[in-house]
C-alpha atoms as a PDB file:
ATOM      1  CA  MET A   1      20.596 -51.948   2.130  1.00  0.00           C
ATOM      2  CA  PHE A   2      21.575 -50.297  -1.323  1.00  0.00           C
ATOM      3  CA  VAL A   3      17.945 -49.615  -2.158  1.00  0.00           C
ATOM      4  CA  GLY A   4      17.430 -48.321   1.047  1.00  0.00           C
ATOM      5  CA  VAL A   5      19.715 -46.239   0.116  1.00  0.00           C
ATOM      6  CA  ILE A   6      18.651 -45.363  -3.141  1.00  0.00           C
ATOM      7  CA  ILE A   7      15.342 -44.407  -1.656  1.00  0.00           C
ATOM      8  CA  THR A   8      16.968 -42.422   1.380  1.00  0.00           C
ATOM      9  CA  ALA A   9      18.837 -40.082  -1.199  1.00  0.00           C
ATOM     10  CA  LEU A  10      15.448 -40.121  -3.735  1.00  0.00           C
ATOM     11  CA  THR A  11      12.979 -38.788  -0.367  1.00  0.00           C
ATOM     12  CA  ILE A  12      15.315 -36.255   0.119  1.00  0.00           C
ATOM     13  CA  ALA A  13      15.864 -35.023  -3.446  1.00  0.00           C
ATOM     14  CA  ASN A  14      11.968 -34.948  -3.722  1.00  0.00           C
ATOM     15  CA  ILE A  15      11.745 -32.807  -0.340  1.00  0.00           C
ATOM     16  CA  GLN A  16      14.464 -30.444  -1.260  1.00  0.00           C
ATOM     17  CA  SER A  17      13.100 -30.244  -4.844  1.00  0.00           C
ATOM     18  CA  LEU A  18       9.351 -29.645  -3.092  1.00  0.00           C
ATOM     19  CA  VAL A  19      11.103 -26.595  -0.815  1.00  0.00           C
ATOM     20  CA  THR A  20      12.411 -25.370  -3.344  1.00  0.00           C
ATOM     21  CA  SER A  21       9.627 -24.596  -5.567  1.00  0.00           C
ATOM     22  CA  VAL A  22       7.102 -23.935  -2.793  1.00  0.00           C
ATOM     23  CA  ASP A  23      10.061 -20.891  -2.384  1.00  0.00           C
ATOM     24  CA  ALA A  24      10.232 -20.054  -5.647  1.00  0.00           C
ATOM     25  CA  PRO A  25       8.261 -16.374  -5.480  1.00  0.00           C
ATOM     26  CA  ARG A  26      10.379 -15.494  -2.435  1.00  0.00           C
ATOM     27  CA  LEU A  27      13.640 -16.405  -4.126  1.00  0.00           C
ATOM     28  CA  ASN A  28      12.447 -14.403  -7.393  1.00  0.00           C
ATOM     29  CA  TYR A  29      11.894 -11.456  -5.133  1.00  0.00           C
ATOM     30  CA  GLN A  30      15.533 -11.549  -3.219  1.00  0.00           C
ATOM     31  CA  ARG A  31      17.089 -11.612  -6.426  1.00  0.00           C
ATOM     32  CA  LYS A  32      14.511  -9.055  -8.022  1.00  0.00           C
ATOM     33  CA  MET A  33      15.864  -7.090  -4.657  1.00  0.00           C
ATOM     34  CA  GLU A  34      19.462  -7.502  -5.176  1.00  0.00           C
ATOM     35  CA  MET A  35      18.912  -6.458  -9.036  1.00  0.00           C
ATOM     36  CA  ILE A  36      17.083  -3.373  -8.075  1.00  0.00           C
ATOM     37  CA  LYS A  37      19.803  -2.235  -5.002  1.00  0.00           C
ATOM     38  CA  LYS A  38      22.470  -3.069  -7.774  1.00  0.00           C
ATOM     39  CA  TYR A  39      20.868  -0.836 -10.150  1.00  0.00           C
ATOM     40  CA  MET A  40      20.180   2.005  -7.393  1.00  0.00           C
ATOM     41  CA  ARG A  41      23.635   2.022  -6.670  1.00  0.00           C
ATOM     42  CA  TYR A  42      25.155   2.358  -9.852  1.00  0.00           C
ATOM     43  CA  ARG A  43      22.939   5.556 -10.834  1.00  0.00           C
ATOM     44  CA  ASN A  44      24.165   6.848  -7.394  1.00  0.00           C
ATOM     45  CA  LEU A  45      20.155   7.167  -6.224  1.00  0.00           C
ATOM     46  CA  PRO A  46      20.249   9.764  -2.830  1.00  0.00           C
ATOM     47  CA  LYS A  47      19.704   7.258  -0.006  1.00  0.00           C
ATOM     48  CA  GLY A  48      16.175   8.998   1.109  1.00  0.00           C
ATOM     49  CA  LEU A  49      15.150   7.666  -2.408  1.00  0.00           C
ATOM     50  CA  GLN A  50      16.513   4.092  -2.738  1.00  0.00           C
ATOM     51  CA  ASP A  51      14.802   3.933   0.985  1.00  0.00           C
ATOM     52  CA  ARG A  52      11.383   4.757  -0.599  1.00  0.00           C
ATOM     53  CA  VAL A  53      12.020   2.351  -3.633  1.00  0.00           C
ATOM     54  CA  LEU A  54      12.627  -0.293  -0.911  1.00  0.00           C
ATOM     55  CA  ALA A  55       9.597   0.700   0.607  1.00  0.00           C
ATOM     56  CA  PHE A  56       7.947   0.464  -2.108  1.00  0.00           C
ATOM     57  CA  TYR A  57       8.696  -3.158  -3.316  1.00  0.00           C
ATOM     58  CA  ASP A  58       8.360  -4.283  -0.209  1.00  0.00           C
ATOM     59  CA  TYR A  59       4.839  -2.972   0.250  1.00  0.00           C
ATOM     60  CA  GLN A  60       4.389  -4.772  -2.663  1.00  0.00           C
ATOM     61  CA  TRP A  61       5.680  -8.260  -1.330  1.00  0.00           C
ATOM     62  CA  ALA A  62       3.957  -7.866   1.797  1.00  0.00           C
ATOM     63  CA  LYS A  63       0.270  -7.456  -0.360  1.00  0.00           C
ATOM     64  CA  LEU A  64       0.901  -9.518  -3.269  1.00  0.00           C
ATOM     65  CA  LYS A  65       3.522 -12.406  -2.273  1.00  0.00           C
ATOM     66  CA  GLY A  66       4.709 -12.170  -5.752  1.00  0.00           C
ATOM     67  CA  ALA A  67       1.738 -12.048  -7.668  1.00  0.00           C
ATOM     68  CA  ASP A  68       1.716  -9.368 -10.512  1.00  0.00           C
ATOM     69  CA  GLU A  69      -1.617  -7.774 -10.541  1.00  0.00           C
ATOM     70  CA  GLN A  70      -0.586  -6.102 -13.921  1.00  0.00           C
ATOM     71  CA  GLU A  71      -0.124  -9.567 -15.533  1.00  0.00           C
ATOM     72  CA  PHE A  72      -3.286 -10.864 -13.781  1.00  0.00           C
ATOM     73  CA  LEU A  73      -5.361  -7.986 -15.244  1.00  0.00           C
ATOM     74  CA  MET A  74      -4.109  -8.244 -18.862  1.00  0.00           C
ATOM     75  CA  GLU A  75      -4.541 -12.041 -18.995  1.00  0.00           C
ATOM     76  CA  LEU A  76      -8.487 -10.843 -18.578  1.00  0.00           C
ATOM     77  CA  PRO A  77     -10.474 -10.450 -21.382  1.00  0.00           C
ATOM     78  CA  GLN A  78     -11.122  -6.713 -21.477  1.00  0.00           C
ATOM     79  CA  THR A  79     -14.498  -6.555 -20.436  1.00  0.00           C
ATOM     80  CA  LEU A  80     -13.852  -8.394 -17.084  1.00  0.00           C
ATOM     81  CA  GLN A  81     -10.514  -6.079 -17.107  1.00  0.00           C
ATOM     82  CA  GLN A  82     -12.776  -3.386 -16.777  1.00  0.00           C
ATOM     83  CA  GLN A  83     -15.013  -4.929 -14.120  1.00  0.00           C
ATOM     84  CA  VAL A  84     -12.671  -5.635 -11.893  1.00  0.00           C
ATOM     85  CA  THR A  85     -10.997  -1.821 -12.306  1.00  0.00           C
ATOM     86  CA  ASN A  86     -14.494  -0.995 -11.560  1.00  0.00           C
ATOM     87  CA  PHE A  87     -14.846  -3.220  -8.360  1.00  0.00           C
ATOM     88  CA  MET A  88     -11.678  -2.173  -6.704  1.00  0.00           C
ATOM     89  CA  CYS A  89     -11.665   1.746  -7.535  1.00  0.00           C
ATOM     90  CA  ARG A  90     -15.289   1.292  -5.582  1.00  0.00           C
ATOM     91  CA  VAL A  91     -13.398  -0.739  -2.691  1.00  0.00           C
ATOM     92  CA  SER A  92     -10.102   1.363  -2.506  1.00  0.00           C
ATOM     93  CA  GLY A  93     -11.268   4.816  -2.780  1.00  0.00           C
ATOM     94  CA  HIS A  94      -8.008   5.837  -3.524  1.00  0.00           C
ATOM     95  CA  LEU A  95      -7.457   8.125  -6.989  1.00  0.00           C
ATOM     96  CA  ASN A  96      -4.111   7.000  -7.641  1.00  0.00           C
ATOM     97  CA  GLU A  97      -4.867   3.721  -7.280  1.00  0.00           C
ATOM     98  CA  CYS A  98      -7.366   3.835  -9.592  1.00  0.00           C
ATOM     99  CA  VAL A  99      -5.827   5.597 -11.590  1.00  0.00           C
ATOM    100  CA  THR A 100      -2.882   3.496 -12.016  1.00  0.00           C
ATOM    101  CA  LEU A 101      -5.476   0.439 -12.383  1.00  0.00           C
ATOM    102  CA  VAL A 102      -7.519   1.913 -15.462  1.00  0.00           C
ATOM    103  CA  THR A 103      -4.766   2.685 -16.865  1.00  0.00           C
ATOM    104  CA  ARG A 104      -2.738  -1.034 -16.779  1.00  0.00           C
ATOM    105  CA  SER A 105      -6.206  -2.319 -17.254  1.00  0.00           C
ATOM    106  CA  MET A 106      -6.913  -1.016 -20.667  1.00  0.00           C
ATOM    107  CA  ASN A 107      -5.770  -0.465 -23.719  1.00  0.00           C
ATOM    108  CA  LEU A 108      -4.033   2.909 -25.215  1.00  0.00           C
ATOM    109  CA  THR A 109      -6.660   2.489 -28.198  1.00  0.00           C
ATOM    110  CA  PHE A 110      -9.460   2.822 -25.544  1.00  0.00           C
ATOM    111  CA  LEU A 111      -8.156   5.365 -23.131  1.00  0.00           C
ATOM    112  CA  LEU A 112      -7.188   7.897 -26.524  1.00  0.00           C
ATOM    113  CA  GLN A 113     -11.349   7.258 -27.098  1.00  0.00           C
ATOM    114  CA  LEU A 114     -12.119   7.791 -23.572  1.00  0.00           C
ATOM    115  CA  PHE A 115     -10.363  11.708 -23.503  1.00  0.00           C
ATOM    116  CA  ARG A 116     -11.461  12.245 -27.031  1.00  0.00           C
ATOM    117  CA  THR A 117     -15.033  12.428 -25.872  1.00  0.00           C
END
């Protein structure tokens, strides 16, 4: 009987650990949102601006579910970064997204060389 209790306790602990690890990105998102809200209150940002900032992060969460696009791109070799960025720019067709992706994916030296030519 004692062995049964231990096995049940271990099973429950393993299930709890599994659920926690699966929901880790959501938990990180919620923590980040709380920190952002505290910061905006501390800086006394206007309500409309706060709403826009929160809407931006909500949109990012809805699209990427916690994945960091910039981190993903920075892990790639520079040639792959450029290829991914070029493809995404052609698909999106939005200039502001394209500029953001390009500046995030390319290093500063390359950008300086690009503007010098």
